[in-house]
Amino acid sequence: MIEEVPVPHGRLTVETTGGAHAGTVALVHAGVADRASWDGVVPALAARYRVVRHDMRGFGDSRPPSAPYDDAEDLAAVLTAVGVERAAVVGNSYGGRVALEFALRHPARVSALGLLAAPLPDHDWSAAMRDYAEAEEAALERGDLDLAVSLNLDMWVRGPRREWDDRLRAHAHAVRGPMRTALSHQHLTDRFGTSELAELLGGLGESRVPTLIAHGGADLDDFRVQAARLTAAIPDSRALVLPDAGHLLPLEQPAATAEALLALLAARG
């Protein structure tokens, strides 16, 4: 079922699949994708669980923001609107950051946590990441959306360790449209989006739910470093490396991602 859910100063598109036979899983997409990036993962999860995924503001079918907002609180509003008090929460990339902030703010609402290539707000980024960010900002300031999309495909689909091949081009084709939508609205999400994650990181050691911390072996080394930090800080956590994957794990390796998430859900007891 696809529906629009009201949030402060806006509405979000939410898709629900499966039945809550064994609970609910909320999936939060990356900052260069939309909810469709989870399409390959959902069938395996929906066979046992209710799966809820939404397009964040300015992504996919959800309109861009026009006033200050908070993605973690939007996730809380989505779950409340669909009648879910407690869920396993999983996010990829920026979606992992949103999932982590939600878990730190609302620990009673989280039964398990999945952080897939999740960034941290106080990470000291590598020169490669800084160079990409500067080039993207310059392209967007010039209004060169095509170049901005190309830079993002190179960074988040191809990555720093691989050359383009037919498989990666297929992934790029799948995410190009959602990426273009996200970049066209980035001036608004940057302007209006708010977060308190930096102030909440001191609570990582208080987490009491099973947590999966995964990254791709072909991704930027920054995400290996951040995954190691998260694994060391969160008590009941398990690290996973998908050696042949880049940054967008659900898109590149949906079967392996689903298998890892099913194991995480089983660990809830």
C-alpha atoms as a PDB file:
ATOM      1  CA  MET A   1       0.000   0.000   0.000  1.00  0.00           C
ATOM      2  CA  ILE A   2       1.240   3.475  -0.902  1.00  0.00           C
ATOM      3  CA  GLU A   3      -0.164   6.461   0.964  1.00  0.00           C
ATOM      4  CA  GLU A   4       0.664  10.035   1.906  1.00  0.00           C
ATOM      5  CA  VAL A   5       1.316  10.671   5.589  1.00  0.00           C
ATOM      6  CA  PRO A   6       1.091  14.151   7.136  1.00  0.00           C
ATOM      7  CA  VAL A   7       4.167  15.574   8.875  1.00  0.00           C
ATOM      8  CA  PRO A   8       4.732  19.146  10.121  1.00  0.00           C
ATOM      9  CA  HIS A   9       4.578  21.504   7.131  1.00  0.00           C
ATOM     10  CA  GLY A  10       4.335  18.665   4.628  1.00  0.00           C
ATOM     11  CA  ARG A  11       3.383  15.166   3.571  1.00  0.00           C
ATOM     12  CA  LEU A  12       5.525  12.089   2.902  1.00  0.00           C
ATOM     13  CA  THR A  13       4.946   9.168   0.556  1.00  0.00           C
ATOM     14  CA  VAL A  14       4.979   5.897   2.507  1.00  0.00           C
ATOM     15  CA  GLU A  15       4.895   2.351   1.164  1.00  0.00           C
ATOM     16  CA  THR A  16       3.911  -0.617   3.339  1.00  0.00           C
ATOM     17  CA  THR A  17       4.439  -4.238   2.269  1.00  0.00           C
ATOM     18  CA  GLY A  18       3.756  -7.586   3.956  1.00  0.00           C
ATOM     19  CA  GLY A  19       2.083  -8.330   7.258  1.00  0.00           C
ATOM     20  CA  ALA A  20       3.264  -7.885  10.825  1.00  0.00           C
ATOM     21  CA  HIS A  21       3.541 -11.627  11.516  1.00  0.00           C
ATOM     22  CA  ALA A  22       6.820 -11.158  13.380  1.00  0.00           C
ATOM     23  CA  GLY A  23       6.998  -7.368  13.733  1.00  0.00           C
ATOM     24  CA  THR A  24       7.803  -4.335  11.600  1.00  0.00           C
ATOM     25  CA  VAL A  25      10.937  -3.239   9.769  1.00  0.00           C
ATOM     26  CA  ALA A  26      11.412   0.407   8.757  1.00  0.00           C
ATOM     27  CA  LEU A  27      13.845   1.016   5.880  1.00  0.00           C
ATOM     28  CA  VAL A  28      15.378   4.463   5.346  1.00  0.00           C
ATOM     29  CA  HIS A  29      16.949   5.231   1.969  1.00  0.00           C
ATOM     30  CA  ALA A  30      20.291   6.853   1.174  1.00  0.00           C
ATOM     31  CA  GLY A  31      20.687  10.556   0.496  1.00  0.00           C
ATOM     32  CA  VAL A  32      21.234   9.933  -3.227  1.00  0.00           C
ATOM     33  CA  ALA A  33      18.347   7.508  -3.698  1.00  0.00           C
ATOM     34  CA  ASP A  34      14.716   6.980  -2.714  1.00  0.00           C
ATOM     35  CA  ARG A  35      12.609   4.183  -1.252  1.00  0.00           C
ATOM     36  CA  ALA A  36      12.902   2.156  -4.489  1.00  0.00           C
ATOM     37  CA  SER A  37      16.550   1.442  -3.618  1.00  0.00           C
ATOM     38  CA  TRP A  38      15.183  -1.212  -1.231  1.00  0.00           C
ATOM     39  CA  ASP A  39      13.101  -2.987  -3.905  1.00  0.00           C
ATOM     40  CA  GLY A  40      15.435  -5.992  -4.072  1.00  0.00           C
ATOM     41  CA  VAL A  41      15.481  -6.411  -0.297  1.00  0.00           C
ATOM     42  CA  VAL A  42      11.785  -6.051   0.522  1.00  0.00           C
ATOM     43  CA  PRO A  43      10.382  -9.402  -0.756  1.00  0.00           C
ATOM     44  CA  ALA A  44      12.576 -11.506   1.546  1.00  0.00           C
ATOM     45  CA  LEU A  45      11.670  -9.339   4.551  1.00  0.00           C
ATOM     46  CA  ALA A  46       7.964  -9.021   3.718  1.00  0.00           C
ATOM     47  CA  ALA A  47       7.520 -12.791   3.776  1.00  0.00           C
ATOM     48  CA  ARG A  48       7.675 -12.553   7.584  1.00  0.00           C
ATOM     49  CA  TYR A  49       7.582  -8.881   8.523  1.00  0.00           C
ATOM     50  CA  ARG A  50       5.665  -5.725   7.810  1.00  0.00           C
ATOM     51  CA  VAL A  51       8.019  -3.462   5.859  1.00  0.00           C
ATOM     52  CA  VAL A  52       7.581   0.310   5.976  1.00  0.00           C
ATOM     53  CA  ARG A  53       9.641   2.631   3.793  1.00  0.00           C
ATOM     54  CA  HIS A  54       9.138   6.273   2.940  1.00  0.00           C
ATOM     55  CA  ASP A  55      10.607   8.934   0.695  1.00  0.00           C
ATOM     56  CA  MET A  56      12.193  11.617   2.826  1.00  0.00           C
ATOM     57  CA  ARG A  57      11.421  15.252   2.039  1.00  0.00           C
ATOM     58  CA  GLY A  58      12.731  16.222  -1.365  1.00  0.00           C
ATOM     59  CA  PHE A  59      13.284  12.614  -2.456  1.00  0.00           C
ATOM     60  CA  GLY A  60      11.235  10.326  -4.679  1.00  0.00           C
ATOM     61  CA  ASP A  61       7.538  11.135  -4.491  1.00  0.00           C
ATOM     62  CA  SER A  62       7.743  13.349  -1.393  1.00  0.00           C
ATOM     63  CA  ARG A  63       7.697  17.081  -1.933  1.00  0.00           C
ATOM     64  CA  PRO A  64      10.712  19.205  -0.910  1.00  0.00           C
ATOM     65  CA  PRO A  65      10.620  21.102   2.378  1.00  0.00           C
ATOM     66  CA  SER A  66       9.412  24.665   2.767  1.00  0.00           C
ATOM     67  CA  ALA A  67      10.105  25.048   6.504  1.00  0.00           C
ATOM     68  CA  PRO A  68      12.526  23.609   9.077  1.00  0.00           C
ATOM     69  CA  TYR A  69      12.171  19.854   9.619  1.00  0.00           C
ATOM     70  CA  ASP A  70      13.945  16.880  11.134  1.00  0.00           C
ATOM     71  CA  ASP A  71      14.272  13.537   9.300  1.00  0.00           C
ATOM     72  CA  ALA A  72      14.454  11.505  12.517  1.00  0.00           C
ATOM     73  CA  GLU A  73      11.224  13.049  13.780  1.00  0.00           C
ATOM     74  CA  ASP A  74       9.647  12.535  10.348  1.00  0.00           C
ATOM     75  CA  LEU A  75      10.469   8.823  10.725  1.00  0.00           C
ATOM     76  CA  ALA A  76       8.770   8.834  14.123  1.00  0.00           C
ATOM     77  CA  ALA A  77       5.707  10.483  12.567  1.00  0.00           C
ATOM     78  CA  VAL A  78       5.612   7.931   9.730  1.00  0.00           C
ATOM     79  CA  LEU A  79       5.676   4.983  12.121  1.00  0.00           C
ATOM     80  CA  THR A  80       3.002   6.539  14.322  1.00  0.00           C
ATOM     81  CA  ALA A  81       0.792   7.250  11.304  1.00  0.00           C
ATOM     82  CA  VAL A  82       0.904   3.627  10.138  1.00  0.00           C
ATOM     83  CA  GLY A  83       0.209   2.342  13.642  1.00  0.00           C
ATOM     84  CA  VAL A  84       3.677   1.087  14.561  1.00  0.00           C
ATOM     85  CA  GLU A  85       4.955   1.749  18.069  1.00  0.00           C
ATOM     86  CA  ARG A  86       8.162  -0.308  17.859  1.00  0.00           C
ATOM     87  CA  ALA A  87      10.174  -1.461  14.858  1.00  0.00           C
ATOM     88  CA  ALA A  88      13.529  -2.643  13.645  1.00  0.00           C
ATOM     89  CA  VAL A  89      15.021   0.411  11.945  1.00  0.00           C
ATOM     90  CA  VAL A  90      17.532   0.100   9.097  1.00  0.00           C
ATOM     91  CA  GLY A  91      19.163   2.851   7.054  1.00  0.00           C
ATOM     92  CA  ASN A  92      21.694   3.080   4.240  1.00  0.00           C
ATOM     93  CA  SER A  93      24.169   5.971   4.060  1.00  0.00           C
ATOM     94  CA  TYR A  94      22.402   9.174   5.150  1.00  0.00           C
ATOM     95  CA  GLY A  95      19.424   6.960   5.960  1.00  0.00           C
ATOM     96  CA  GLY A  96      21.686   5.151   8.437  1.00  0.00           C
ATOM     97  CA  ARG A  97      22.424   8.460  10.097  1.00  0.00           C
ATOM     98  CA  VAL A  98      18.681   9.114  10.360  1.00  0.00           C
ATOM     99  CA  ALA A  99      18.097   5.611  11.777  1.00  0.00           C
ATOM    100  CA  LEU A 100      20.840   6.125  14.371  1.00  0.00           C
ATOM    101  CA  GLU A 101      19.465   9.484  15.460  1.00  0.00           C
ATOM    102  CA  PHE A 102      15.968   8.019  15.725  1.00  0.00           C
ATOM    103  CA  ALA A 103      17.304   5.155  17.871  1.00  0.00           C
ATOM    104  CA  LEU A 104      19.165   7.515  20.205  1.00  0.00           C
ATOM    105  CA  ARG A 105      16.134   9.772  20.592  1.00  0.00           C
ATOM    106  CA  HIS A 106      13.499   7.058  20.832  1.00  0.00           C
ATOM    107  CA  PRO A 107      15.196   3.911  22.179  1.00  0.00           C
ATOM    108  CA  ALA A 108      11.916   2.391  23.359  1.00  0.00           C
ATOM    109  CA  ARG A 109      10.625   2.413  19.778  1.00  0.00           C
ATOM    110  CA  VAL A 110      13.563   0.415  18.336  1.00  0.00           C
ATOM    111  CA  SER A 111      13.794  -3.388  18.528  1.00  0.00           C
ATOM    112  CA  ALA A 112      16.903  -3.698  16.324  1.00  0.00           C
ATOM    113  CA  LEU A 113      19.123  -1.313  14.394  1.00  0.00           C
ATOM    114  CA  GLY A 114      20.816  -1.666  11.008  1.00  0.00           C
ATOM    115  CA  LEU A 115      23.444   0.874   9.946  1.00  0.00           C
ATOM    116  CA  LEU A 116      24.625   0.302   6.368  1.00  0.00           C
ATOM    117  CA  ALA A 117      27.509   2.586   5.384  1.00  0.00           C
ATOM    118  CA  ALA A 118      26.264   5.148   7.889  1.00  0.00           C
ATOM    119  CA  PRO A 119      28.151   8.463   8.249  1.00  0.00           C
ATOM    120  CA  LEU A 120      28.792  10.271  11.526  1.00  0.00           C
ATOM    121  CA  PRO A 121      28.507  14.058  11.853  1.00  0.00           C
ATOM    122  CA  ASP A 122      31.924  14.510  13.494  1.00  0.00           C
ATOM    123  CA  HIS A 123      33.939  12.314  11.122  1.00  0.00           C
ATOM    124  CA  ASP A 124      37.157  13.799   9.704  1.00  0.00           C
ATOM    125  CA  TRP A 125      36.597  13.136   6.012  1.00  0.00           C
ATOM    126  CA  SER A 126      39.325  12.090   3.614  1.00  0.00           C
ATOM    127  CA  ALA A 127      40.722  14.334   0.901  1.00  0.00           C
ATOM    128  CA  ALA A 128      38.825  12.297  -1.716  1.00  0.00           C
ATOM    129  CA  MET A 129      35.510  13.010  -0.007  1.00  0.00           C
ATOM    130  CA  ARG A 130      36.311  16.690   0.479  1.00  0.00           C
ATOM    131  CA  ASP A 131      37.292  17.052  -3.186  1.00  0.00           C
ATOM    132  CA  TYR A 132      34.032  15.391  -4.294  1.00  0.00           C
ATOM    133  CA  ALA A 133      31.946  17.627  -2.011  1.00  0.00           C
ATOM    134  CA  GLU A 134      33.643  20.766  -3.311  1.00  0.00           C
ATOM    135  CA  ALA A 135      33.162  19.700  -6.932  1.00  0.00           C
ATOM    136  CA  GLU A 136      29.488  18.890  -6.331  1.00  0.00           C
ATOM    137  CA  GLU A 137      28.881  22.215  -4.616  1.00  0.00           C
ATOM    138  CA  ALA A 138      30.542  24.089  -7.486  1.00  0.00           C
ATOM    139  CA  ALA A 139      28.465  22.225 -10.087  1.00  0.00           C
ATOM    140  CA  LEU A 140      25.206  22.952  -8.252  1.00  0.00           C
ATOM    141  CA  GLU A 141      26.113  26.614  -7.791  1.00  0.00           C
ATOM    142  CA  ARG A 142      26.612  26.851 -11.572  1.00  0.00           C
ATOM    143  CA  GLY A 143      23.296  25.094 -12.157  1.00  0.00           C
ATOM    144  CA  ASP A 144      25.058  22.160 -13.831  1.00  0.00           C
ATOM    145  CA  LEU A 145      22.811  19.360 -12.591  1.00  0.00           C
ATOM    146  CA  ASP A 146      24.140  16.903 -15.167  1.00  0.00           C
ATOM    147  CA  LEU A 147      27.677  17.275 -13.836  1.00  0.00           C
ATOM    148  CA  ALA A 148      26.463  16.973 -10.239  1.00  0.00           C
ATOM    149  CA  VAL A 149      24.701  13.712 -11.083  1.00  0.00           C
ATOM    150  CA  SER A 150      27.816  12.411 -12.841  1.00  0.00           C
ATOM    151  CA  LEU A 151      30.006  13.233  -9.832  1.00  0.00           C
ATOM    152  CA  ASN A 152      27.595  11.432  -7.519  1.00  0.00           C
ATOM    153  CA  LEU A 153      27.379   8.361  -9.739  1.00  0.00           C
ATOM    154  CA  ASP A 154      31.172   8.184  -9.795  1.00  0.00           C
ATOM    155  CA  MET A 155      31.404   8.475  -6.010  1.00  0.00           C
ATOM    156  CA  TRP A 156      28.441   6.405  -4.808  1.00  0.00           C
ATOM    157  CA  VAL A 157      27.951   3.796  -7.562  1.00  0.00           C
ATOM    158  CA  ARG A 158      31.377   3.256  -9.111  1.00  0.00           C
ATOM    159  CA  GLY A 159      33.309   4.279  -6.009  1.00  0.00           C
ATOM    160  CA  PRO A 160      37.047   4.785  -5.588  1.00  0.00           C
ATOM    161  CA  ARG A 161      38.186   1.203  -6.204  1.00  0.00           C
ATOM    162  CA  ARG A 162      36.374   0.087  -9.362  1.00  0.00           C
ATOM    163  CA  GLU A 163      36.036   0.826 -13.040  1.00  0.00           C
ATOM    164  CA  TRP A 164      32.688   1.115 -14.783  1.00  0.00           C
ATOM    165  CA  ASP A 165      31.284  -2.180 -16.099  1.00  0.00           C
ATOM    166  CA  ASP A 166      27.862  -3.375 -17.258  1.00  0.00           C
ATOM    167  CA  ARG A 167      26.719  -4.261 -13.735  1.00  0.00           C
ATOM    168  CA  LEU A 168      27.659  -0.872 -12.308  1.00  0.00           C
ATOM    169  CA  ARG A 169      26.111   0.920 -15.290  1.00  0.00           C
ATOM    170  CA  ALA A 170      22.843  -0.917 -14.574  1.00  0.00           C
ATOM    171  CA  HIS A 171      22.949   0.270 -10.959  1.00  0.00           C
ATOM    172  CA  ALA A 172      23.690   3.800 -12.170  1.00  0.00           C
ATOM    173  CA  HIS A 173      20.691   3.659 -14.495  1.00  0.00           C
ATOM    174  CA  ALA A 174      18.452   2.579 -11.600  1.00  0.00           C
ATOM    175  CA  VAL A 175      19.507   5.400  -9.309  1.00  0.00           C
ATOM    176  CA  ARG A 176      20.117   8.232 -11.804  1.00  0.00           C
ATOM    177  CA  GLY A 177      16.535   9.554 -11.725  1.00  0.00           C
ATOM    178  CA  PRO A 178      16.141   9.533  -7.932  1.00  0.00           C
ATOM    179  CA  MET A 179      19.619  11.048  -7.608  1.00  0.00           C
ATOM    180  CA  ARG A 180      18.709  13.880  -9.979  1.00  0.00           C
ATOM    181  CA  THR A 181      15.549  14.577  -7.983  1.00  0.00           C
ATOM    182  CA  ALA A 182      17.502  14.655  -4.720  1.00  0.00           C
ATOM    183  CA  LEU A 183      20.169  16.987  -6.112  1.00  0.00           C
ATOM    184  CA  SER A 184      17.593  19.349  -7.608  1.00  0.00           C
ATOM    185  CA  HIS A 185      16.105  19.795  -4.117  1.00  0.00           C
ATOM    186  CA  GLN A 186      19.378  19.772  -2.181  1.00  0.00           C
ATOM    187  CA  HIS A 187      19.408  23.559  -1.704  1.00  0.00           C
ATOM    188  CA  LEU A 188      16.124  23.181   0.193  1.00  0.00           C
ATOM    189  CA  THR A 189      16.999  20.098   2.237  1.00  0.00           C
ATOM    190  CA  ASP A 190      20.307  21.722   3.195  1.00  0.00           C
ATOM    191  CA  ARG A 191      18.546  24.952   4.113  1.00  0.00           C
ATOM    192  CA  PHE A 192      15.703  23.526   6.164  1.00  0.00           C
ATOM    193  CA  GLY A 193      16.965  20.168   7.462  1.00  0.00           C
ATOM    194  CA  THR A 194      17.969  19.981  11.142  1.00  0.00           C
ATOM    195  CA  SER A 195      19.659  17.312  13.233  1.00  0.00           C
ATOM    196  CA  GLU A 196      20.793  16.774  16.821  1.00  0.00           C
ATOM    197  CA  LEU A 197      22.869  13.651  16.180  1.00  0.00           C
ATOM    198  CA  ALA A 198      26.186  15.292  17.054  1.00  0.00           C
ATOM    199  CA  GLU A 199      24.878  16.055  20.551  1.00  0.00           C
ATOM    200  CA  LEU A 200      23.509  12.519  20.975  1.00  0.00           C
ATOM    201  CA  LEU A 201      26.600  10.473  20.081  1.00  0.00           C
ATOM    202  CA  GLY A 202      27.627  10.225  23.733  1.00  0.00           C
ATOM    203  CA  GLY A 203      24.692   7.851  24.208  1.00  0.00           C
ATOM    204  CA  LEU A 204      25.951   5.183  21.779  1.00  0.00           C
ATOM    205  CA  GLY A 205      27.197   3.028  24.646  1.00  0.00           C
ATOM    206  CA  GLU A 206      23.731   2.948  26.186  1.00  0.00           C
ATOM    207  CA  SER A 207      22.165   1.108  23.244  1.00  0.00           C
ATOM    208  CA  ARG A 208      20.595  -2.181  24.269  1.00  0.00           C
ATOM    209  CA  VAL A 209      19.312  -3.558  20.967  1.00  0.00           C
ATOM    210  CA  PRO A 210      21.005  -5.870  18.438  1.00  0.00           C
ATOM    211  CA  THR A 211      22.789  -3.715  15.872  1.00  0.00           C
ATOM    212  CA  LEU A 212      24.201  -4.566  12.461  1.00  0.00           C
ATOM    213  CA  ILE A 213      26.981  -2.285  11.213  1.00  0.00           C
ATOM    214  CA  ALA A 214      27.843  -2.980   7.580  1.00  0.00           C
ATOM    215  CA  HIS A 215      29.898  -1.414   4.834  1.00  0.00           C
ATOM    216  CA  GLY A 216      31.094  -2.340   1.368  1.00  0.00           C
ATOM    217  CA  GLY A 217      34.674  -3.315   0.700  1.00  0.00           C
ATOM    218  CA  ALA A 218      34.720  -1.214  -2.483  1.00  0.00           C
ATOM    219  CA  ASP A 219      33.445   1.927  -0.732  1.00  0.00           C
ATOM    220  CA  LEU A 220      35.488   4.900   0.457  1.00  0.00           C
ATOM    221  CA  ASP A 221      37.757   3.953   3.346  1.00  0.00           C
ATOM    222  CA  ASP A 222      35.961   6.601   5.434  1.00  0.00           C
ATOM    223  CA  PHE A 223      33.063   4.186   5.883  1.00  0.00           C
ATOM    224  CA  ARG A 224      35.301   1.376   7.126  1.00  0.00           C
ATOM    225  CA  VAL A 225      36.677   3.775   9.739  1.00  0.00           C
ATOM    226  CA  GLN A 226      33.222   4.932  10.815  1.00  0.00           C
ATOM    227  CA  ALA A 227      31.895   1.373  10.924  1.00  0.00           C
ATOM    228  CA  ALA A 228      34.768   0.374  13.212  1.00  0.00           C
ATOM    229  CA  ARG A 229      34.009   3.305  15.470  1.00  0.00           C
ATOM    230  CA  LEU A 230      30.328   2.420  15.682  1.00  0.00           C
ATOM    231  CA  THR A 231      31.086  -1.252  16.355  1.00  0.00           C
ATOM    232  CA  ALA A 232      33.424  -0.320  19.195  1.00  0.00           C
ATOM    233  CA  ALA A 233      30.904   2.088  20.731  1.00  0.00           C
ATOM    234  CA  ILE A 234      27.647   0.100  20.514  1.00  0.00           C
ATOM    235  CA  PRO A 235      27.577  -2.863  22.940  1.00  0.00           C
ATOM    236  CA  ASP A 236      25.389  -5.418  21.137  1.00  0.00           C
ATOM    237  CA  SER A 237      26.722  -4.831  17.635  1.00  0.00           C
ATOM    238  CA  ARG A 238      27.992  -7.029  14.820  1.00  0.00           C
ATOM    239  CA  ALA A 239      30.203  -5.855  11.982  1.00  0.00           C
ATOM    240  CA  LEU A 240      29.758  -7.045   8.413  1.00  0.00           C
ATOM    241  CA  VAL A 241      31.805  -6.293   5.315  1.00  0.00           C
ATOM    242  CA  LEU A 242      30.379  -7.067   1.879  1.00  0.00           C
ATOM    243  CA  PRO A 243      33.670  -7.324  -0.041  1.00  0.00           C
ATOM    244  CA  ASP A 244      32.371  -6.703  -3.569  1.00  0.00           C
ATOM    245  CA  ALA A 245      29.905  -3.943  -2.681  1.00  0.00           C
ATOM    246  CA  GLY A 246      30.240  -0.198  -2.851  1.00  0.00           C
ATOM    247  CA  HIS A 247      28.167   2.339  -0.947  1.00  0.00           C
ATOM    248  CA  LEU A 248      24.573   1.537  -1.898  1.00  0.00           C
ATOM    249  CA  LEU A 249      24.419  -1.945  -0.361  1.00  0.00           C
ATOM    250  CA  PRO A 250      20.674  -2.626  -0.842  1.00  0.00           C
ATOM    251  CA  LEU A 251      20.917  -1.683  -4.514  1.00  0.00           C
ATOM    252  CA  GLU A 252      24.132  -3.569  -5.279  1.00  0.00           C
ATOM    253  CA  GLN A 253      23.705  -6.673  -3.138  1.00  0.00           C
ATOM    254  CA  PRO A 254      20.040  -7.049  -2.193  1.00  0.00           C
ATOM    255  CA  ALA A 255      20.207 -10.786  -1.433  1.00  0.00           C
ATOM    256  CA  ALA A 256      23.204 -10.448   0.890  1.00  0.00           C
ATOM    257  CA  THR A 257      21.642  -7.382   2.508  1.00  0.00           C
ATOM    258  CA  ALA A 258      18.346  -9.193   3.091  1.00  0.00           C
ATOM    259  CA  GLU A 259      20.154 -12.212   4.534  1.00  0.00           C
ATOM    260  CA  ALA A 260      22.072 -10.014   6.967  1.00  0.00           C
ATOM    261  CA  LEU A 261      18.905  -8.187   8.016  1.00  0.00           C
ATOM    262  CA  LEU A 262      17.001 -11.421   8.582  1.00  0.00           C
ATOM    263  CA  ALA A 263      19.835 -12.584  10.851  1.00  0.00           C
ATOM    264  CA  LEU A 264      19.646  -9.274  12.716  1.00  0.00           C
ATOM    265  CA  LEU A 265      15.897  -9.623  13.172  1.00  0.00           C
ATOM    266  CA  ALA A 266      16.270 -13.186  14.434  1.00  0.00           C
ATOM    267  CA  ALA A 267      18.769 -11.943  17.036  1.00  0.00           C
ATOM    268  CA  ARG A 268      16.068  -9.873  18.713  1.00  0.00           C
ATOM    269  CA  GLY A 269      14.952 -13.051  20.496  1.00  0.00           C
END
